[in-house]
């Protein structure tokens, strides 16, 4: 379970060897974030977690997910401590918008409620999504979910068990580092998403998602 979750079976040595040859910036970012691995997170949990993450900060996101799991997940007692599983769609089937609001979701309450019921009503089939080979088709299906926009869809594609490594999620930090290193526009707010995606695809190919993680970490922490 741990080997799969932490992606220990993927040869990151080879990936780093390929990416560091792209340019000096990539080589530097890899040295800085040498141990980075992308987790294989459960698809359902990833979808809900990223909906919760919209306009939110990490401590609040963690708190909401913990309260959601404590209230609606299964309790597990391990070495004298209580833990809780992430609730399934069925476990959330009778949860109301007001119930979500009480957990501190704010404006995200209705998004969560609608997405849960879209999955329960099989308007979006997660099992079929896991088997689908076409990344664009999966992305289209994800975008039908309430609270899932382009950036969240890309994050789900990369960070869940879907593991589409060619996907390059773009947030403020990624836009900034791509502009500083490759585009060099005096006003980074004018940098288009398509321009960044095109550069990422041309430079990093089907490893763009992993390259993004090295660049993101380097920019945020260095």
N, C-alpha and C. Protein backbone atom coordinates (compact mmCIF):
# COMPACT_ATOMS: atom_id res chain seq x y z
N UNK A 1 0.84 -1.21 0.00
CA UNK A 1 0.00 0.00 0.00
C UNK A 1 0.87 1.25 0.00
N UNK A 2 1.90 1.24 0.85
CA UNK A 2 2.78 2.41 0.96
C UNK A 2 3.58 2.61 -0.33
N UNK A 3 4.08 1.51 -0.89
CA UNK A 3 4.85 1.61 -2.13
C UNK A 3 4.02 2.24 -3.24
N UNK A 4 2.75 1.83 -3.32
CA UNK A 4 1.87 2.36 -4.37
C UNK A 4 1.54 3.83 -4.08
N UNK A 5 1.19 4.14 -2.83
CA UNK A 5 0.75 5.49 -2.47
C UNK A 5 1.86 6.52 -2.68
N UNK A 6 3.10 6.17 -2.31
CA UNK A 6 4.21 7.11 -2.41
C UNK A 6 4.91 7.00 -3.77
N UNK A 7 4.35 6.17 -4.65
CA UNK A 7 4.86 6.04 -6.03
C UNK A 7 6.30 5.53 -6.06
N UNK A 8 6.60 4.60 -5.15
CA UNK A 8 7.97 4.09 -5.04
C UNK A 8 8.35 3.17 -6.20
N UNK A 9 7.37 2.69 -6.94
CA UNK A 9 7.67 1.78 -8.05
C UNK A 9 8.01 2.51 -9.35
N UNK A 10 7.88 3.83 -9.35
CA UNK A 10 8.24 4.62 -10.54
C UNK A 10 9.72 5.00 -10.47
N UNK A 11 10.40 4.92 -11.59
CA UNK A 11 11.84 5.18 -11.61
C UNK A 11 12.10 6.68 -11.76
N UNK A 12 12.16 7.36 -10.61
CA UNK A 12 12.40 8.80 -10.63
C UNK A 12 13.84 9.13 -11.01
N UNK A 13 14.74 8.19 -10.81
CA UNK A 13 16.13 8.43 -11.22
C UNK A 13 16.19 8.69 -12.72
N UNK A 14 15.51 7.85 -13.48
CA UNK A 14 15.48 8.02 -14.94
C UNK A 14 14.75 9.30 -15.34
N UNK A 15 13.67 9.59 -14.65
CA UNK A 15 12.89 10.80 -14.94
C UNK A 15 13.75 12.05 -14.73
N UNK A 16 14.47 12.08 -13.61
CA UNK A 16 15.33 13.23 -13.32
C UNK A 16 16.46 13.35 -14.34
N UNK A 17 16.99 12.20 -14.75
CA UNK A 17 18.06 12.21 -15.75
C UNK A 17 17.59 12.81 -17.07
N UNK A 18 16.35 12.50 -17.43
CA UNK A 18 15.78 13.04 -18.67
C UNK A 18 15.50 14.54 -18.54
N UNK A 19 14.89 14.93 -17.42
CA UNK A 19 14.46 16.33 -17.26
C UNK A 19 15.64 17.28 -17.08
N UNK A 20 16.67 16.84 -16.35
CA UNK A 20 17.77 17.77 -16.06
C UNK A 20 18.57 18.13 -17.32
N UNK A 21 18.38 17.35 -18.38
CA UNK A 21 19.05 17.65 -19.65
C UNK A 21 18.32 18.73 -20.46
N UNK A 22 17.11 19.08 -20.03
CA UNK A 22 16.31 20.05 -20.78
C UNK A 22 16.96 21.44 -20.76
N UNK A 23 17.34 21.89 -19.58
CA UNK A 23 18.05 23.17 -19.46
C UNK A 23 18.59 23.33 -18.04
N UNK A 24 19.36 24.39 -17.82
CA UNK A 24 19.98 24.61 -16.51
C UNK A 24 18.93 24.88 -15.42
N UNK A 25 17.85 25.56 -15.78
CA UNK A 25 16.80 25.84 -14.80
C UNK A 25 16.21 24.55 -14.25
N UNK A 26 15.94 23.61 -15.15
CA UNK A 26 15.37 22.35 -14.73
C UNK A 26 16.36 21.57 -13.88
N UNK A 27 17.61 21.59 -14.26
CA UNK A 27 18.65 20.88 -13.50
C UNK A 27 18.76 21.44 -12.08
N UNK A 28 18.69 22.78 -11.96
CA UNK A 28 18.78 23.41 -10.64
C UNK A 28 17.57 23.07 -9.78
N UNK A 29 16.39 23.10 -10.36
CA UNK A 29 15.17 22.82 -9.60
C UNK A 29 15.15 21.37 -9.13
N UNK A 30 15.68 20.45 -9.93
CA UNK A 30 15.73 19.04 -9.55
C UNK A 30 16.68 18.84 -8.37
N UNK A 31 17.82 19.51 -8.39
CA UNK A 31 18.76 19.42 -7.26
C UNK A 31 18.11 19.93 -5.98
N UNK A 32 17.29 20.97 -6.13
CA UNK A 32 16.65 21.55 -4.95
C UNK A 32 15.56 20.63 -4.40
N UNK A 33 14.80 19.99 -5.29
CA UNK A 33 13.69 19.15 -4.85
C UNK A 33 13.90 17.69 -5.20
N UNK A 34 15.11 17.22 -4.96
CA UNK A 34 15.53 15.90 -5.43
C UNK A 34 14.61 14.76 -5.01
N UNK A 35 14.06 14.83 -3.81
CA UNK A 35 13.26 13.70 -3.28
C UNK A 35 11.78 13.77 -3.59
N UNK A 36 11.35 14.73 -4.39
CA UNK A 36 9.93 14.88 -4.67
C UNK A 36 9.35 13.65 -5.37
N UNK A 37 8.20 13.21 -4.91
CA UNK A 37 7.41 12.20 -5.60
C UNK A 37 5.96 12.65 -5.59
N UNK A 38 5.22 12.26 -6.62
CA UNK A 38 3.80 12.63 -6.71
C UNK A 38 2.97 11.47 -6.18
N UNK A 39 2.21 11.71 -5.14
CA UNK A 39 1.42 10.65 -4.51
C UNK A 39 0.34 10.12 -5.44
N UNK A 40 0.03 8.84 -5.27
CA UNK A 40 -1.12 8.23 -5.96
C UNK A 40 -2.31 8.29 -5.02
N UNK A 41 -2.98 9.43 -5.00
CA UNK A 41 -4.11 9.64 -4.09
C UNK A 41 -5.41 9.12 -4.71
N UNK A 42 -6.26 8.57 -3.86
CA UNK A 42 -7.55 8.05 -4.31
C UNK A 42 -8.30 9.11 -5.11
N UNK A 43 -8.87 8.71 -6.25
CA UNK A 43 -9.51 9.67 -7.15
C UNK A 43 -10.64 10.43 -6.47
N UNK A 44 -11.51 9.73 -5.78
CA UNK A 44 -12.65 10.38 -5.12
C UNK A 44 -12.17 11.38 -4.06
N UNK A 45 -11.23 10.96 -3.23
CA UNK A 45 -10.71 11.83 -2.19
C UNK A 45 -10.03 13.06 -2.80
N UNK A 46 -9.32 12.86 -3.91
CA UNK A 46 -8.63 13.97 -4.56
C UNK A 46 -9.62 14.98 -5.11
N UNK A 47 -10.69 14.49 -5.73
CA UNK A 47 -11.72 15.39 -6.28
C UNK A 47 -12.29 16.27 -5.18
N UNK A 48 -12.74 15.65 -4.10
CA UNK A 48 -13.36 16.41 -3.02
C UNK A 48 -12.36 17.35 -2.34
N UNK A 49 -11.14 16.87 -2.14
CA UNK A 49 -10.12 17.70 -1.47
C UNK A 49 -9.81 18.95 -2.28
N UNK A 50 -9.75 18.82 -3.60
CA UNK A 50 -9.43 19.99 -4.42
C UNK A 50 -10.62 20.94 -4.57
N UNK A 51 -11.83 20.42 -4.48
CA UNK A 51 -13.00 21.31 -4.44
C UNK A 51 -12.94 22.13 -3.15
N UNK A 52 -12.58 21.48 -2.06
CA UNK A 52 -12.46 22.16 -0.77
C UNK A 52 -11.32 23.20 -0.80
N UNK A 53 -10.31 22.96 -1.63
CA UNK A 53 -9.12 23.82 -1.64
C UNK A 53 -9.35 25.17 -2.32
N UNK A 54 -10.48 25.33 -3.03
CA UNK A 54 -10.71 26.57 -3.80
C UNK A 54 -10.69 27.80 -2.89
N UNK A 55 -9.81 28.76 -3.22
CA UNK A 55 -9.68 30.00 -2.44
C UNK A 55 -9.55 29.72 -0.95
N UNK A 56 -8.69 28.77 -0.62
CA UNK A 56 -8.57 28.32 0.76
C UNK A 56 -7.09 28.19 1.10
N UNK A 57 -6.77 28.05 2.39
CA UNK A 57 -5.37 27.84 2.78
C UNK A 57 -5.21 26.45 3.38
N UNK A 58 -3.96 25.97 3.45
CA UNK A 58 -3.71 24.59 3.83
C UNK A 58 -4.23 24.24 5.23
N UNK A 59 -4.01 25.05 6.27
CA UNK A 59 -4.56 24.68 7.59
C UNK A 59 -6.08 24.53 7.58
N UNK A 60 -6.79 25.42 6.87
CA UNK A 60 -8.25 25.30 6.81
C UNK A 60 -8.68 24.08 6.01
N UNK A 61 -7.97 23.81 4.92
CA UNK A 61 -8.30 22.64 4.10
C UNK A 61 -8.15 21.37 4.95
N UNK A 62 -7.04 21.26 5.66
CA UNK A 62 -6.79 20.10 6.51
C UNK A 62 -7.87 19.96 7.58
N UNK A 63 -8.26 21.10 8.18
CA UNK A 63 -9.29 21.07 9.21
C UNK A 63 -10.64 20.59 8.69
N UNK A 64 -11.03 21.10 7.52
CA UNK A 64 -12.31 20.70 6.92
C UNK A 64 -12.31 19.21 6.59
N UNK A 65 -11.23 18.72 5.98
CA UNK A 65 -11.16 17.31 5.61
C UNK A 65 -11.18 16.42 6.86
N UNK A 66 -10.50 16.87 7.91
CA UNK A 66 -10.50 16.09 9.16
C UNK A 66 -11.91 16.04 9.77
N UNK A 67 -12.62 17.18 9.78
CA UNK A 67 -13.97 17.19 10.34
C UNK A 67 -14.93 16.36 9.49
N UNK A 68 -14.77 16.44 8.16
CA UNK A 68 -15.61 15.67 7.25
C UNK A 68 -15.42 14.17 7.49
N UNK A 69 -14.18 13.75 7.65
CA UNK A 69 -13.87 12.34 7.86
C UNK A 69 -14.33 11.87 9.24
N UNK A 70 -14.11 12.69 10.25
CA UNK A 70 -14.51 12.33 11.62
C UNK A 70 -16.01 12.12 11.71
N UNK A 71 -16.77 12.98 11.04
CA UNK A 71 -18.23 12.93 11.16
C UNK A 71 -18.85 11.85 10.28
N UNK A 72 -18.29 11.62 9.09
CA UNK A 72 -18.97 10.73 8.15
C UNK A 72 -18.15 9.51 7.71
N UNK A 73 -16.86 9.45 8.05
CA UNK A 73 -16.05 8.29 7.68
C UNK A 73 -16.15 7.18 8.70
N UNK A 74 -15.39 6.12 8.47
CA UNK A 74 -15.35 4.99 9.41
C UNK A 74 -14.24 5.21 10.44
N UNK A 75 -14.57 4.90 11.69
CA UNK A 75 -13.57 5.03 12.75
C UNK A 75 -12.66 3.82 12.76
N UNK A 76 -11.35 4.08 12.90
CA UNK A 76 -10.36 3.01 13.01
C UNK A 76 -9.55 3.26 14.28
N UNK A 77 -9.48 2.24 15.14
CA UNK A 77 -8.69 2.35 16.35
C UNK A 77 -7.36 1.64 16.12
N UNK A 78 -6.25 2.39 16.23
CA UNK A 78 -4.93 1.83 15.96
C UNK A 78 -3.96 2.31 17.04
N UNK A 79 -3.41 1.35 17.78
CA UNK A 79 -2.45 1.64 18.85
C UNK A 79 -2.97 2.72 19.80
N UNK A 80 -4.23 2.57 20.16
CA UNK A 80 -4.84 3.45 21.14
C UNK A 80 -5.30 4.79 20.62
N UNK A 81 -5.13 5.03 19.31
CA UNK A 81 -5.56 6.30 18.73
C UNK A 81 -6.69 6.07 17.73
N UNK A 82 -7.58 7.06 17.64
CA UNK A 82 -8.69 6.98 16.70
C UNK A 82 -8.34 7.70 15.39
N UNK A 83 -8.61 7.04 14.29
CA UNK A 83 -8.44 7.62 12.95
C UNK A 83 -9.74 7.43 12.19
N UNK A 84 -9.89 8.18 11.11
CA UNK A 84 -11.14 8.11 10.35
C UNK A 84 -10.85 8.06 8.86
N UNK A 85 -11.55 7.17 8.17
CA UNK A 85 -11.39 7.06 6.73
C UNK A 85 -12.09 8.22 6.04
N UNK A 86 -11.66 8.52 4.82
CA UNK A 86 -12.34 9.55 4.03
C UNK A 86 -13.70 9.00 3.61
N UNK A 87 -14.79 9.76 3.81
CA UNK A 87 -16.13 9.23 3.52
C UNK A 87 -16.36 8.95 2.04
N UNK A 88 -17.06 7.87 1.77
CA UNK A 88 -17.42 7.49 0.41
C UNK A 88 -18.62 8.32 -0.05
N UNK A 89 -18.93 8.32 -1.35
CA UNK A 89 -20.14 9.01 -1.82
C UNK A 89 -21.39 8.53 -1.10
N UNK A 90 -21.49 7.23 -0.86
CA UNK A 90 -22.67 6.70 -0.17
C UNK A 90 -22.78 7.22 1.26
N UNK A 91 -21.64 7.36 1.92
CA UNK A 91 -21.66 7.88 3.30
C UNK A 91 -22.06 9.35 3.35
N UNK A 92 -21.93 10.04 2.21
CA UNK A 92 -22.31 11.46 2.15
C UNK A 92 -23.68 11.67 1.49
N UNK A 93 -24.37 10.59 1.19
CA UNK A 93 -25.61 10.68 0.39
C UNK A 93 -26.71 11.49 1.06
N UNK A 94 -26.76 11.48 2.39
CA UNK A 94 -27.84 12.19 3.10
C UNK A 94 -27.36 13.48 3.76
N UNK A 95 -26.13 13.86 3.49
CA UNK A 95 -25.58 15.10 4.06
C UNK A 95 -26.16 16.29 3.31
N UNK A 96 -26.64 17.27 4.04
CA UNK A 96 -27.26 18.45 3.43
C UNK A 96 -26.24 19.57 3.23
N UNK A 97 -26.65 20.56 2.45
CA UNK A 97 -25.79 21.74 2.26
C UNK A 97 -25.51 22.41 3.60
N UNK A 98 -26.52 22.47 4.44
CA UNK A 98 -26.36 23.08 5.76
C UNK A 98 -25.36 22.29 6.61
N UNK A 99 -25.41 20.96 6.50
CA UNK A 99 -24.46 20.13 7.24
C UNK A 99 -23.02 20.44 6.82
N UNK A 100 -22.82 20.59 5.52
CA UNK A 100 -21.48 20.95 5.03
C UNK A 100 -21.05 22.32 5.54
N UNK A 101 -21.99 23.23 5.56
CA UNK A 101 -21.68 24.59 6.02
C UNK A 101 -21.22 24.58 7.47
N UNK A 102 -21.83 23.71 8.28
CA UNK A 102 -21.45 23.62 9.70
C UNK A 102 -20.02 23.10 9.87
N UNK A 103 -19.50 22.42 8.85
CA UNK A 103 -18.13 21.93 8.92
C UNK A 103 -17.12 23.00 8.49
N UNK A 104 -17.64 24.17 8.07
CA UNK A 104 -16.76 25.28 7.71
C UNK A 104 -16.43 25.37 6.24
N UNK A 105 -17.25 24.76 5.38
CA UNK A 105 -16.94 24.78 3.95
C UNK A 105 -17.24 26.12 3.28
N UNK A 106 -18.07 26.95 3.90
CA UNK A 106 -18.40 28.23 3.28
C UNK A 106 -19.09 28.05 1.94
N UNK A 107 -18.71 28.87 0.94
CA UNK A 107 -19.37 28.82 -0.37
C UNK A 107 -19.17 27.49 -1.08
N UNK A 108 -18.26 26.67 -0.60
CA UNK A 108 -17.98 25.38 -1.23
C UNK A 108 -19.03 24.33 -0.87
N UNK A 109 -19.92 24.64 0.09
CA UNK A 109 -20.88 23.64 0.56
C UNK A 109 -21.76 23.10 -0.56
N UNK A 110 -22.30 23.99 -1.37
CA UNK A 110 -23.18 23.55 -2.46
C UNK A 110 -22.40 22.82 -3.54
N UNK A 111 -21.14 23.22 -3.75
CA UNK A 111 -20.29 22.52 -4.73
C UNK A 111 -20.08 21.06 -4.33
N UNK A 112 -19.78 20.88 -3.06
CA UNK A 112 -19.56 19.52 -2.55
C UNK A 112 -20.84 18.70 -2.66
N UNK A 113 -21.94 19.30 -2.23
CA UNK A 113 -23.24 18.61 -2.27
C UNK A 113 -23.58 18.18 -3.71
N UNK A 114 -23.43 19.09 -4.65
CA UNK A 114 -23.78 18.78 -6.04
C UNK A 114 -22.88 17.71 -6.64
N UNK A 115 -21.59 17.78 -6.35
CA UNK A 115 -20.66 16.78 -6.88
C UNK A 115 -20.94 15.39 -6.31
N UNK A 116 -21.19 15.32 -5.01
CA UNK A 116 -21.54 14.04 -4.39
C UNK A 116 -22.72 13.40 -5.11
N UNK A 117 -23.74 14.19 -5.38
CA UNK A 117 -24.95 13.63 -5.99
C UNK A 117 -24.78 13.37 -7.49
N UNK A 118 -23.90 14.09 -8.14
CA UNK A 118 -23.60 13.77 -9.54
C UNK A 118 -22.93 12.39 -9.64
N UNK A 119 -22.06 12.09 -8.67
CA UNK A 119 -21.41 10.78 -8.65
C UNK A 119 -22.40 9.69 -8.25
N UNK A 120 -23.23 9.97 -7.23
CA UNK A 120 -24.22 8.99 -6.80
C UNK A 120 -25.23 8.69 -7.90
N UNK A 121 -25.59 9.71 -8.67
CA UNK A 121 -26.56 9.53 -9.77
C UNK A 121 -25.90 9.03 -11.05
N UNK A 122 -24.58 8.79 -10.98
CA UNK A 122 -23.78 8.28 -12.11
C UNK A 122 -23.81 9.20 -13.32
N UNK A 123 -23.98 10.50 -13.06
CA UNK A 123 -23.81 11.46 -14.14
C UNK A 123 -22.34 11.54 -14.52
N UNK A 124 -21.48 11.25 -13.54
CA UNK A 124 -20.05 11.06 -13.78
C UNK A 124 -19.67 9.73 -13.15
N UNK A 125 -19.08 8.85 -13.96
CA UNK A 125 -18.73 7.51 -13.49
C UNK A 125 -17.22 7.43 -13.23
N UNK A 126 -16.86 7.35 -11.96
CA UNK A 126 -15.44 7.38 -11.59
C UNK A 126 -14.71 6.11 -12.03
N UNK A 127 -15.41 4.99 -12.04
CA UNK A 127 -14.78 3.75 -12.48
C UNK A 127 -14.43 3.81 -13.96
N UNK A 128 -15.36 4.32 -14.77
CA UNK A 128 -15.08 4.49 -16.20
C UNK A 128 -13.95 5.48 -16.41
N UNK A 129 -13.92 6.51 -15.57
CA UNK A 129 -12.88 7.52 -15.67
C UNK A 129 -11.51 6.90 -15.44
N UNK A 130 -11.43 5.98 -14.48
CA UNK A 130 -10.15 5.32 -14.17
C UNK A 130 -9.66 4.48 -15.34
N UNK A 131 -10.60 3.97 -16.14
CA UNK A 131 -10.24 3.09 -17.26
C UNK A 131 -10.05 3.84 -18.57
N UNK A 132 -10.51 5.08 -18.62
CA UNK A 132 -10.44 5.88 -19.85
C UNK A 132 -8.98 6.21 -20.19
N UNK A 133 -8.61 6.03 -21.45
CA UNK A 133 -7.25 6.31 -21.88
C UNK A 133 -7.05 7.74 -22.35
N UNK A 134 -8.12 8.36 -22.84
CA UNK A 134 -8.03 9.70 -23.42
C UNK A 134 -8.06 10.75 -22.31
N UNK A 135 -6.94 11.43 -22.11
CA UNK A 135 -6.84 12.43 -21.05
C UNK A 135 -7.83 13.58 -21.26
N UNK A 136 -8.00 14.02 -22.50
CA UNK A 136 -8.93 15.12 -22.77
C UNK A 136 -10.36 14.75 -22.43
N UNK A 137 -10.73 13.48 -22.67
CA UNK A 137 -12.09 13.02 -22.34
C UNK A 137 -12.29 13.03 -20.83
N UNK A 138 -11.29 12.57 -20.09
CA UNK A 138 -11.39 12.60 -18.62
C UNK A 138 -11.53 14.04 -18.14
N UNK A 139 -10.74 14.92 -18.71
CA UNK A 139 -10.77 16.33 -18.32
C UNK A 139 -12.15 16.93 -18.55
N UNK A 140 -12.75 16.61 -19.68
CA UNK A 140 -14.10 17.10 -19.98
C UNK A 140 -15.09 16.60 -18.93
N UNK A 141 -14.98 15.33 -18.55
CA UNK A 141 -15.88 14.77 -17.54
C UNK A 141 -15.67 15.44 -16.18
N UNK A 142 -14.42 15.67 -15.82
CA UNK A 142 -14.12 16.33 -14.55
C UNK A 142 -14.71 17.74 -14.50
N UNK A 143 -14.66 18.43 -15.63
CA UNK A 143 -15.14 19.82 -15.68
C UNK A 143 -16.66 19.91 -15.54
N UNK A 144 -17.36 18.80 -15.68
CA UNK A 144 -18.82 18.82 -15.47
C UNK A 144 -19.16 18.80 -13.98
N UNK A 145 -18.19 18.44 -13.14
CA UNK A 145 -18.44 18.37 -11.70
C UNK A 145 -18.50 19.78 -11.11
N UNK A 146 -19.42 19.98 -10.19
CA UNK A 146 -19.58 21.28 -9.55
C UNK A 146 -18.33 21.62 -8.73
N UNK A 147 -17.79 22.82 -8.95
CA UNK A 147 -16.61 23.24 -8.20
C UNK A 147 -15.30 22.84 -8.84
N UNK A 148 -15.36 22.17 -10.00
CA UNK A 148 -14.13 21.76 -10.68
C UNK A 148 -13.94 22.62 -11.92
N UNK A 149 -12.96 23.53 -11.86
CA UNK A 149 -12.59 24.35 -13.00
C UNK A 149 -11.35 23.78 -13.65
N UNK A 150 -10.79 24.48 -14.64
CA UNK A 150 -9.63 23.96 -15.38
C UNK A 150 -8.43 23.61 -14.51
N UNK A 151 -8.08 24.50 -13.55
CA UNK A 151 -6.90 24.22 -12.73
C UNK A 151 -7.13 23.01 -11.82
N UNK A 152 -8.31 22.94 -11.20
CA UNK A 152 -8.63 21.81 -10.31
C UNK A 152 -8.67 20.51 -11.11
N UNK A 153 -9.23 20.56 -12.31
CA UNK A 153 -9.27 19.36 -13.16
C UNK A 153 -7.86 18.87 -13.45
N UNK A 154 -6.96 19.80 -13.77
CA UNK A 154 -5.57 19.42 -14.05
C UNK A 154 -4.89 18.83 -12.81
N UNK A 155 -5.17 19.40 -11.65
CA UNK A 155 -4.60 18.87 -10.40
C UNK A 155 -5.09 17.45 -10.14
N UNK A 156 -6.39 17.22 -10.36
CA UNK A 156 -6.94 15.87 -10.16
C UNK A 156 -6.29 14.89 -11.12
N UNK A 157 -6.12 15.30 -12.38
CA UNK A 157 -5.50 14.43 -13.38
C UNK A 157 -4.08 14.04 -12.99
N UNK A 158 -3.34 14.97 -12.39
CA UNK A 158 -1.94 14.72 -12.05
C UNK A 158 -1.77 14.04 -10.70
N UNK A 159 -2.50 14.48 -9.69
CA UNK A 159 -2.22 14.07 -8.32
C UNK A 159 -3.02 12.86 -7.84
N UNK A 160 -4.03 12.46 -8.58
CA UNK A 160 -4.81 11.28 -8.19
C UNK A 160 -4.22 10.03 -8.83
N UNK A 161 -4.88 8.90 -8.63
CA UNK A 161 -4.44 7.65 -9.25
C UNK A 161 -4.61 7.68 -10.77
N UNK A 162 -5.24 8.72 -11.32
CA UNK A 162 -5.29 8.87 -12.78
C UNK A 162 -3.88 9.06 -13.32
N UNK A 163 -3.06 9.81 -12.58
CA UNK A 163 -1.63 9.99 -12.82
C UNK A 163 -1.29 10.28 -14.29
N UNK A 164 -1.85 11.40 -14.80
CA UNK A 164 -1.52 11.84 -16.16
C UNK A 164 -0.34 12.79 -16.07
N UNK A 165 0.84 12.27 -16.25
CA UNK A 165 2.07 13.03 -16.00
C UNK A 165 2.33 14.12 -17.03
N UNK A 166 1.59 14.10 -18.13
CA UNK A 166 1.76 15.14 -19.14
C UNK A 166 1.02 16.43 -18.80
N UNK A 167 0.15 16.37 -17.79
CA UNK A 167 -0.68 17.52 -17.41
C UNK A 167 0.14 18.50 -16.57
N UNK A 168 -0.04 19.79 -16.83
CA UNK A 168 0.79 20.85 -16.22
C UNK A 168 -0.11 21.87 -15.53
N UNK A 169 -0.53 21.61 -14.28
CA UNK A 169 -1.39 22.56 -13.57
C UNK A 169 -0.71 23.92 -13.41
N UNK A 170 -1.50 24.98 -13.58
CA UNK A 170 -0.93 26.34 -13.52
C UNK A 170 -1.64 27.16 -12.44
N UNK A 171 -0.87 27.58 -11.45
CA UNK A 171 -1.39 28.51 -10.45
C UNK A 171 -0.51 29.76 -10.49
N UNK A 172 -0.66 30.64 -9.51
CA UNK A 172 0.09 31.89 -9.48
C UNK A 172 1.59 31.64 -9.50
N UNK A 173 2.04 30.67 -8.69
CA UNK A 173 3.48 30.42 -8.57
C UNK A 173 4.04 29.81 -9.84
N UNK A 174 3.31 28.89 -10.45
CA UNK A 174 3.78 28.25 -11.68
C UNK A 174 3.82 29.27 -12.81
N UNK A 175 2.79 30.13 -12.90
CA UNK A 175 2.78 31.21 -13.90
C UNK A 175 4.01 32.11 -13.70
N UNK A 176 4.31 32.41 -12.45
CA UNK A 176 5.43 33.31 -12.14
C UNK A 176 6.76 32.70 -12.55
N UNK A 177 6.98 31.45 -12.18
CA UNK A 177 8.28 30.84 -12.49
C UNK A 177 8.43 30.60 -13.99
N UNK A 178 7.35 30.22 -14.67
CA UNK A 178 7.44 30.01 -16.12
C UNK A 178 7.69 31.33 -16.84
N UNK A 179 7.10 32.40 -16.33
CA UNK A 179 7.33 33.71 -16.94
C UNK A 179 8.77 34.18 -16.71
N UNK A 180 9.23 34.04 -15.46
CA UNK A 180 10.59 34.49 -15.14
C UNK A 180 11.66 33.70 -15.90
N UNK A 181 11.43 32.41 -16.07
CA UNK A 181 12.46 31.57 -16.67
C UNK A 181 12.40 31.50 -18.19
N UNK A 182 11.18 31.54 -18.74
CA UNK A 182 11.04 31.24 -20.17
C UNK A 182 10.33 32.30 -21.01
N UNK A 183 9.33 32.97 -20.43
CA UNK A 183 8.52 33.90 -21.23
C UNK A 183 9.02 35.32 -21.13
N UNK A 184 9.32 35.75 -19.90
CA UNK A 184 9.92 37.06 -19.62
C UNK A 184 9.04 38.24 -20.05
N UNK A 185 7.76 38.13 -19.75
CA UNK A 185 6.83 39.24 -19.97
C UNK A 185 6.93 40.20 -18.78
N UNK A 186 7.01 41.49 -19.04
CA UNK A 186 7.12 42.48 -17.96
C UNK A 186 5.92 42.43 -17.02
N UNK A 187 4.76 42.02 -17.53
CA UNK A 187 3.56 41.89 -16.71
C UNK A 187 3.12 40.43 -16.74
N UNK A 188 3.43 39.70 -15.66
CA UNK A 188 3.13 38.26 -15.64
C UNK A 188 1.63 37.98 -15.72
N UNK A 189 0.81 38.95 -15.34
CA UNK A 189 -0.65 38.75 -15.41
C UNK A 189 -1.15 38.66 -16.85
N UNK A 190 -0.33 39.10 -17.78
CA UNK A 190 -0.72 39.04 -19.19
C UNK A 190 -0.29 37.74 -19.87
N UNK A 191 0.40 36.91 -19.11
CA UNK A 191 0.86 35.63 -19.65
C UNK A 191 -0.33 34.68 -19.76
N UNK A 192 -0.59 34.15 -20.92
CA UNK A 192 -1.73 33.29 -21.17
C UNK A 192 -1.45 31.85 -20.75
N UNK A 193 -2.49 31.19 -20.27
CA UNK A 193 -2.38 29.79 -19.86
C UNK A 193 -1.93 28.91 -21.03
N UNK A 194 -2.50 29.16 -22.22
CA UNK A 194 -2.14 28.35 -23.39
C UNK A 194 -0.67 28.49 -23.75
N UNK A 195 -0.13 29.70 -23.54
CA UNK A 195 1.29 29.93 -23.84
C UNK A 195 2.17 29.09 -22.91
N UNK A 196 1.80 29.07 -21.63
CA UNK A 196 2.56 28.27 -20.66
C UNK A 196 2.45 26.79 -20.99
N UNK A 197 1.24 26.33 -21.28
CA UNK A 197 1.02 24.92 -21.59
C UNK A 197 1.80 24.49 -22.83
N UNK A 198 1.87 25.37 -23.81
CA UNK A 198 2.60 25.05 -25.04
C UNK A 198 4.09 24.89 -24.76
N UNK A 199 4.65 25.82 -23.97
CA UNK A 199 6.07 25.74 -23.62
C UNK A 199 6.34 24.46 -22.82
N UNK A 200 5.46 24.17 -21.86
CA UNK A 200 5.62 22.98 -21.02
C UNK A 200 5.60 21.70 -21.86
N UNK A 201 4.66 21.65 -22.79
CA UNK A 201 4.55 20.46 -23.65
C UNK A 201 5.78 20.31 -24.54
N UNK A 202 6.24 21.43 -25.09
CA UNK A 202 7.40 21.37 -26.00
C UNK A 202 8.69 21.01 -25.26
N UNK A 203 8.86 21.56 -24.03
CA UNK A 203 10.10 21.36 -23.30
C UNK A 203 10.12 20.03 -22.54
N UNK A 204 8.98 19.70 -21.93
CA UNK A 204 8.98 18.58 -20.98
C UNK A 204 8.17 17.37 -21.44
N UNK A 205 7.35 17.53 -22.48
CA UNK A 205 6.60 16.42 -23.04
C UNK A 205 5.72 15.70 -22.04
N UNK A 206 5.79 14.37 -22.04
CA UNK A 206 4.90 13.59 -21.18
C UNK A 206 5.37 13.54 -19.72
N UNK A 207 6.40 14.33 -19.39
CA UNK A 207 6.84 14.46 -17.99
C UNK A 207 6.59 15.88 -17.47
N UNK A 208 5.74 16.63 -18.15
CA UNK A 208 5.50 18.03 -17.78
C UNK A 208 5.00 18.17 -16.35
N UNK A 209 4.15 17.25 -15.90
CA UNK A 209 3.61 17.34 -14.55
C UNK A 209 4.67 17.21 -13.48
N UNK A 210 5.61 16.32 -13.69
CA UNK A 210 6.70 16.17 -12.72
C UNK A 210 7.64 17.37 -12.79
N UNK A 211 7.91 17.86 -14.00
CA UNK A 211 8.72 19.07 -14.14
C UNK A 211 8.07 20.24 -13.38
N UNK A 212 6.75 20.32 -13.47
CA UNK A 212 6.02 21.39 -12.77
C UNK A 212 6.25 21.33 -11.27
N UNK A 213 6.29 20.12 -10.72
CA UNK A 213 6.48 19.98 -9.28
C UNK A 213 7.87 20.44 -8.84
N UNK A 214 8.89 20.12 -9.62
CA UNK A 214 10.23 20.60 -9.29
C UNK A 214 10.30 22.13 -9.37
N UNK A 215 9.75 22.69 -10.43
CA UNK A 215 9.77 24.14 -10.61
C UNK A 215 8.96 24.84 -9.52
N UNK A 216 7.79 24.30 -9.20
CA UNK A 216 6.92 24.88 -8.17
C UNK A 216 7.63 24.89 -6.81
N UNK A 217 8.20 23.76 -6.45
CA UNK A 217 8.88 23.66 -5.16
C UNK A 217 10.06 24.61 -5.08
N UNK A 218 10.84 24.69 -6.14
CA UNK A 218 12.00 25.57 -6.19
C UNK A 218 11.57 27.03 -6.02
N UNK A 219 10.52 27.42 -6.73
CA UNK A 219 10.05 28.80 -6.69
C UNK A 219 9.47 29.15 -5.31
N UNK A 220 8.71 28.24 -4.75
CA UNK A 220 8.06 28.53 -3.46
C UNK A 220 9.03 28.58 -2.31
N UNK A 221 10.02 27.69 -2.35
CA UNK A 221 10.86 27.49 -1.15
C UNK A 221 12.25 28.11 -1.23
N UNK A 222 12.79 28.24 -2.42
CA UNK A 222 14.20 28.66 -2.52
C UNK A 222 14.38 30.14 -2.20
